[in-house]
Amino acid sequence: MTASIHPVAHSIPRHTLTRLAREWLAEDTPNFDPAGVCVGSEDTEARLLCKSPHTVLAGCPFFTAVFHEVGCTVDWIHQEGAELGPDGVTVTAVVRGPARDLLLGERPALNCLTRASGIATRCSQLQSIAKAAGWHGEVAGTRKTTPGFRLVEKYAMLVGGVSMHRQDLSGMAMLKDNHVWASGSITKAVQETRSVCGFSSKIEVECQSTAEGREAAAAGADIVMLDNFKPEELHSAAKVLKTEFPALLIEASGGVTPENLPLFFSPHVDIISLGCITQGCPVADFSLKVQKHCATSM
């Protein structure tokens, strides 16, 4: 019954899943679990229910890893990345194991699934908007993630069909306004950063004007982020920079929402990043229901 995993799941090392699952379980149950006394260790079955129609299922490797750590098994009924529904309630998976262990893993596992599926659903919607408009570029997330939960949230972006952007500070050098101010100039900041990055890492510079974008590109930046530009200003600046520096990638960021996303589409803009992919994103509604005919009390 277990559905095949999403191809992106192969990018997560097993030891990373194990480490995260153990951390989440230790956070939730650092000492005693008094309620475990009333349910015991009899074999139990629970059904995972999705109660948010049109949810994109994401986070399955994390959900499974948590239950694996407490000695339970998970049989998935639906493929990760699939849209669940349209029924009001969709049976998504079946979890089996000792009752007290199944309930130990319930909340940490659901936290992963509800958060990841909410993000993947939003990403899928954003990607559909871009596809419908025929835009050539990439919708991307940001580093505005929940502390300790970044891998889950970045993974959900990939399942939802958008770019993660950089995973962390070492993934790509992004020189923001504070870097430039502390360094003294865009040119100096780019040159000094390149001395560390070498050929293997890209450098992106956050710019507030066409002139700043021109200086960044001339200094050797790979990507220029046009930050907090109004759509009409963005299109004009992007066209100028692309004309002068054809190999330059242009990113638009700041003030972009699902509602106004189409206003930022341009043949001269390659990337549009949105903080709302993770910040303020609704979670999907999942619950785990023990089947009464399977539960045995002590």
Protein backbone atom coordinates (compact mmCIF):
# COMPACT_ATOMS: atom_id res chain seq x y z
CA MET A 1 0.00 0.00 0.00
CA THR A 2 2.95 2.34 0.55
CA ALA A 3 3.13 4.86 -2.30
CA SER A 4 6.48 5.64 -3.89
CA ILE A 5 8.46 8.50 -2.36
CA HIS A 6 9.03 11.85 -4.02
CA PRO A 7 12.32 11.98 -5.98
CA VAL A 8 13.48 14.94 -3.87
CA ALA A 9 13.49 12.65 -0.82
CA HIS A 10 16.63 10.98 -2.16
CA SER A 11 18.53 14.21 -1.45
CA ILE A 12 18.11 13.88 2.33
CA PRO A 13 20.76 11.66 4.01
CA ARG A 14 19.35 8.99 6.31
CA HIS A 15 21.49 10.14 9.21
CA THR A 16 20.02 13.63 8.88
CA LEU A 17 16.48 12.30 9.12
CA THR A 18 17.47 10.22 12.14
CA ARG A 19 19.13 13.18 13.88
CA LEU A 20 16.15 15.46 13.34
CA ALA A 21 13.62 12.86 14.44
CA ARG A 22 15.55 12.21 17.64
CA GLU A 23 15.83 15.94 18.38
CA TRP A 24 12.09 16.49 17.89
CA LEU A 25 11.18 13.49 20.06
CA ALA A 26 13.60 14.56 22.80
CA GLU A 27 12.12 18.05 22.78
CA ASP A 28 8.59 16.69 23.17
CA THR A 29 9.36 13.93 25.67
CA PRO A 30 12.57 14.74 27.61
CA ASN A 31 11.49 12.69 30.65
CA PHE A 32 8.37 10.74 31.61
CA ASP A 33 5.29 10.21 29.48
CA PRO A 34 2.64 9.72 32.17
CA ALA A 35 -0.18 9.22 29.66
CA GLY A 36 1.64 6.19 28.27
CA VAL A 37 0.48 4.22 31.30
CA CYS A 38 -3.17 4.29 30.25
CA VAL A 39 -2.60 3.03 26.70
CA GLY A 40 0.20 0.49 27.10
CA SER A 41 2.16 -1.23 24.36
CA GLU A 42 -0.47 -3.27 22.56
CA ASP A 43 -0.33 -3.18 18.77
CA THR A 44 -2.43 -0.29 17.49
CA GLU A 45 -3.44 1.14 14.14
CA ALA A 46 -4.13 4.80 13.40
CA ARG A 47 -5.25 6.54 10.25
CA LEU A 48 -3.71 9.78 9.05
CA LEU A 49 -6.50 12.08 7.88
CA CYS A 50 -6.13 15.19 5.75
CA LYS A 51 -8.99 17.59 6.40
CA SER A 52 -7.85 20.39 4.08
CA PRO A 53 -9.11 19.75 0.53
CA HIS A 54 -6.66 20.42 -2.31
CA THR A 55 -3.61 20.09 -0.03
CA VAL A 56 -0.30 19.13 -1.65
CA LEU A 57 1.14 16.32 0.45
CA ALA A 58 4.71 17.03 1.63
CA GLY A 59 7.00 16.09 4.50
CA CYS A 60 6.55 12.32 4.27
CA PRO A 61 10.23 11.42 4.93
CA PHE A 62 10.19 13.39 8.19
CA PHE A 63 6.86 11.94 9.29
CA THR A 64 8.09 8.42 8.59
CA ALA A 65 11.45 9.03 10.30
CA VAL A 66 9.77 10.11 13.53
CA PHE A 67 7.64 6.97 13.67
CA HIS A 68 10.58 4.78 12.72
CA GLU A 69 12.42 6.08 15.78
CA VAL A 70 9.61 4.94 18.09
CA GLY A 71 9.25 1.53 16.48
CA CYS A 72 6.20 2.17 14.30
CA THR A 73 5.57 1.66 10.59
CA VAL A 74 3.89 3.98 8.09
CA ASP A 75 2.06 2.83 4.98
CA TRP A 76 1.36 5.72 2.62
CA ILE A 77 -1.78 5.61 0.51
CA HIS A 78 -0.96 8.70 -1.56
CA GLN A 79 2.17 9.80 -3.40
CA GLU A 80 4.07 12.72 -1.89
CA GLY A 81 3.49 15.77 -4.06
CA ALA A 82 -0.06 14.68 -4.93
CA GLU A 83 -3.00 16.98 -4.34
CA LEU A 84 -5.31 15.42 -1.76
CA GLY A 85 -9.06 15.74 -2.02
CA PRO A 86 -11.42 17.03 -3.27
CA ASP A 87 -13.24 15.22 -0.46
CA GLY A 88 -13.44 16.97 2.89
CA VAL A 89 -11.45 14.17 4.55
CA THR A 90 -8.83 12.02 2.83
CA VAL A 91 -7.25 8.96 4.43
CA THR A 92 -3.59 9.57 3.62
CA ALA A 93 -1.62 6.88 5.48
CA VAL A 94 -1.90 4.17 8.10
CA VAL A 95 0.47 4.06 11.10
CA ARG A 96 0.95 0.85 13.09
CA GLY A 97 2.84 0.12 16.28
CA PRO A 98 2.68 -0.09 20.07
CA ALA A 99 0.00 2.31 21.34
CA ARG A 100 2.19 4.37 23.66
CA ASP A 101 4.93 4.67 21.03
CA LEU A 102 2.50 5.66 18.31
CA LEU A 103 1.20 8.46 20.53
CA LEU A 104 4.76 9.55 21.39
CA GLY A 105 5.45 10.17 17.72
CA GLU A 106 2.07 11.70 16.88
CA ARG A 107 2.69 15.41 17.52
CA PRO A 108 6.29 15.74 16.23
CA ALA A 109 5.33 13.84 13.08
CA LEU A 110 2.18 15.88 12.50
CA ASN A 111 4.10 19.13 13.03
CA CYS A 112 6.33 18.19 10.11
CA LEU A 113 3.51 17.16 7.83
CA THR A 114 1.14 20.05 8.49
CA ARG A 115 3.87 22.67 8.04
CA ALA A 116 5.48 21.06 5.00
CA SER A 117 2.17 20.41 3.26
CA GLY A 118 1.01 23.98 3.87
CA ILE A 119 4.17 25.36 2.29
CA ALA A 120 4.07 22.92 -0.63
CA THR A 121 0.46 23.85 -1.30
CA ARG A 122 1.29 27.56 -1.44
CA CYS A 123 4.31 26.88 -3.66
CA SER A 124 2.22 24.82 -6.05
CA GLN A 125 -0.29 27.67 -6.31
CA LEU A 126 2.46 30.21 -7.01
CA GLN A 127 4.03 27.96 -9.63
CA SER A 128 0.67 27.54 -11.32
CA ILE A 129 0.32 31.33 -11.55
CA ALA A 130 3.76 31.61 -13.17
CA LYS A 131 3.04 28.78 -15.59
CA ALA A 132 -0.32 30.22 -16.60
CA ALA A 133 1.37 33.53 -17.40
CA GLY A 134 4.04 31.81 -19.49
CA TRP A 135 6.82 33.35 -17.40
CA HIS A 136 10.27 31.85 -18.00
CA GLY A 137 11.83 32.43 -14.57
CA GLU A 138 11.86 30.78 -11.16
CA VAL A 139 9.66 31.45 -8.15
CA ALA A 140 11.83 31.10 -5.05
CA GLY A 141 11.71 31.01 -1.27
CA THR A 142 13.97 32.82 1.17
CA ARG A 143 15.95 32.22 4.36
CA LYS A 144 12.98 33.47 6.39
CA THR A 145 12.38 30.04 7.87
CA THR A 146 11.49 28.66 11.29
CA PRO A 147 14.62 28.13 13.44
CA GLY A 148 15.46 24.43 13.56
CA PHE A 149 12.92 23.61 10.86
CA ARG A 150 14.65 24.96 7.75
CA LEU A 151 15.31 21.60 6.11
CA VAL A 152 11.65 20.66 6.35
CA GLU A 153 10.53 23.98 4.91
CA LYS A 154 13.11 24.03 2.11
CA TYR A 155 12.19 20.45 1.23
CA ALA A 156 8.53 21.46 1.05
CA MET A 157 9.39 24.21 -1.43
CA LEU A 158 10.94 21.63 -3.75
CA VAL A 159 7.95 19.30 -3.46
CA GLY A 160 5.71 22.27 -4.25
CA GLY A 161 7.69 23.01 -7.41
CA VAL A 162 9.59 26.21 -6.58
CA SER A 163 13.27 26.97 -5.97
CA MET A 164 14.66 26.84 -2.43
CA HIS A 165 16.96 29.80 -3.12
CA ARG A 166 20.12 29.39 -1.00
CA GLN A 167 19.86 26.87 1.82
CA ASP A 168 22.10 28.83 4.20
CA LEU A 169 24.83 31.47 4.29
CA SER A 170 27.40 29.09 2.81
CA GLY A 171 25.18 28.16 -0.14
CA MET A 172 25.71 31.46 -1.92
CA ALA A 173 27.09 34.84 -0.89
CA MET A 174 24.38 37.49 -0.75
CA LEU A 175 25.61 40.99 -0.05
CA LYS A 176 22.81 43.03 1.48
CA ASP A 177 22.74 46.73 2.31
CA ASN A 178 24.40 46.19 5.70
CA HIS A 179 27.30 44.31 4.10
CA VAL A 180 27.82 47.15 1.64
CA TRP A 181 27.60 49.86 4.28
CA ALA A 182 30.04 48.01 6.56
CA SER A 183 32.44 47.34 3.69
CA GLY A 184 32.35 50.82 2.19
CA SER A 185 31.16 50.13 -1.35
CA ILE A 186 29.50 47.53 -3.54
CA THR A 187 32.68 47.05 -5.57
CA LYS A 188 34.83 46.45 -2.52
CA ALA A 189 32.29 44.07 -0.98
CA VAL A 190 32.06 42.00 -4.16
CA GLN A 191 35.83 41.82 -4.68
CA GLU A 192 36.61 40.84 -1.10
CA THR A 193 33.86 38.22 -1.07
CA ARG A 194 35.05 36.79 -4.38
CA SER A 195 38.48 36.21 -2.84
CA VAL A 196 36.83 33.64 -0.57
CA CYS A 197 34.14 32.26 -2.89
CA GLY A 198 36.48 31.65 -5.81
CA PHE A 199 34.89 30.10 -8.90
CA SER A 200 32.56 27.68 -7.11
CA SER A 201 30.05 30.04 -5.49
CA LYS A 202 27.83 32.74 -6.88
CA ILE A 203 27.61 36.25 -5.47
CA GLU A 204 24.35 38.16 -5.31
CA VAL A 205 24.06 41.83 -4.41
CA GLU A 206 20.96 43.54 -3.06
CA CYS A 207 20.50 46.82 -4.92
CA GLN A 208 18.22 49.80 -4.43
CA SER A 209 18.72 51.43 -7.85
CA THR A 210 19.79 50.79 -11.43
CA ALA A 211 23.10 52.51 -10.67
CA GLU A 212 23.81 50.12 -7.80
CA GLY A 213 22.90 47.17 -10.01
CA ARG A 214 25.29 48.41 -12.67
CA GLU A 215 28.12 48.75 -10.13
CA ALA A 216 27.46 45.25 -8.75
CA ALA A 217 27.46 43.67 -12.21
CA ALA A 218 30.62 45.52 -13.24
CA ALA A 219 32.34 44.32 -10.06
CA GLY A 220 31.57 40.72 -10.94
CA ALA A 221 28.31 39.88 -9.21
CA ASP A 222 26.45 36.94 -10.72
CA ILE A 223 23.00 38.02 -9.56
CA VAL A 224 21.51 41.42 -8.82
CA MET A 225 18.51 41.59 -6.51
CA LEU A 226 16.29 44.58 -7.24
CA ASP A 227 14.84 45.00 -3.77
CA ASN A 228 11.49 46.62 -3.00
CA PHE A 229 11.04 48.00 -6.53
CA LYS A 230 7.55 48.82 -7.71
CA PRO A 231 6.62 46.66 -10.73
CA GLU A 232 7.00 49.43 -13.31
CA GLU A 233 10.37 50.49 -11.84
CA LEU A 234 11.49 46.87 -11.74
CA HIS A 235 10.75 46.27 -15.42
CA SER A 236 12.65 49.37 -16.49
CA ALA A 237 15.72 48.67 -14.34
CA ALA A 238 15.83 44.99 -15.27
CA LYS A 239 15.71 45.79 -18.98
CA VAL A 240 18.60 48.28 -18.68
CA LEU A 241 20.79 45.86 -16.71
CA LYS A 242 20.05 42.90 -18.97
CA THR A 243 20.91 44.98 -22.02
CA GLU A 244 24.27 46.01 -20.57
CA PHE A 245 25.03 42.65 -18.88
CA PRO A 246 23.27 39.84 -20.80
CA ALA A 247 24.66 37.06 -18.58
CA LEU A 248 23.49 38.74 -15.37
CA LEU A 249 20.64 37.14 -13.44
CA ILE A 250 18.00 39.52 -12.11
CA GLU A 251 16.02 38.76 -8.97
CA ALA A 252 12.97 40.70 -7.78
CA SER A 253 12.16 40.65 -4.10
CA GLY A 254 10.24 42.64 -1.53
CA GLY A 255 6.53 43.32 -1.40
CA VAL A 256 5.62 40.35 -3.59
CA THR A 257 2.49 38.43 -2.61
CA PRO A 258 0.43 35.67 -4.25
CA GLU A 259 -2.07 38.34 -5.26
CA ASN A 260 0.35 40.72 -6.99
CA LEU A 261 2.88 38.16 -8.25
CA PRO A 262 1.84 38.52 -11.94
CA LEU A 263 2.72 42.23 -11.85
CA PHE A 264 6.39 41.32 -11.37
CA PHE A 265 6.67 38.92 -14.32
CA SER A 266 9.04 40.21 -16.99
CA PRO A 267 11.21 38.75 -19.74
CA HIS A 268 14.12 40.51 -18.03
CA VAL A 269 13.48 39.10 -14.52
CA ASP A 270 14.83 35.61 -13.83
CA ILE A 271 13.88 35.03 -10.19
CA ILE A 272 11.10 36.28 -7.94
CA SER A 273 11.49 35.45 -4.23
CA LEU A 274 8.69 35.62 -1.69
CA GLY A 275 9.03 35.56 2.08
CA CYS A 276 5.35 34.65 2.38
CA ILE A 277 6.18 31.13 1.19
CA THR A 278 7.19 30.44 4.79
CA GLN A 279 6.15 33.50 6.79
CA GLY A 280 2.44 33.53 7.53
CA CYS A 281 1.81 30.49 5.37
CA PRO A 282 -1.29 28.52 6.47
CA VAL A 283 -0.67 24.97 7.67
CA ALA A 284 -2.57 22.00 6.32
CA ASP A 285 -5.03 20.26 8.63
CA PHE A 286 -3.95 16.69 9.39
CA SER A 287 -4.89 14.49 12.33
CA LEU A 288 -4.06 10.96 13.45
CA LYS A 289 -6.99 8.87 14.64
CA VAL A 290 -6.49 5.60 16.53
CA GLN A 291 -8.91 2.93 15.36
CA LYS A 292 -10.92 1.87 18.38
CA HIS A 293 -11.30 -1.71 17.32
CA CYS A 294 -7.49 -1.99 17.26
CA ALA A 295 -6.73 -0.23 20.54
CA THR A 296 -6.31 -2.39 23.67
CA SER A 297 -6.10 -0.87 27.16
CA MET A 298 -3.98 -2.30 29.96
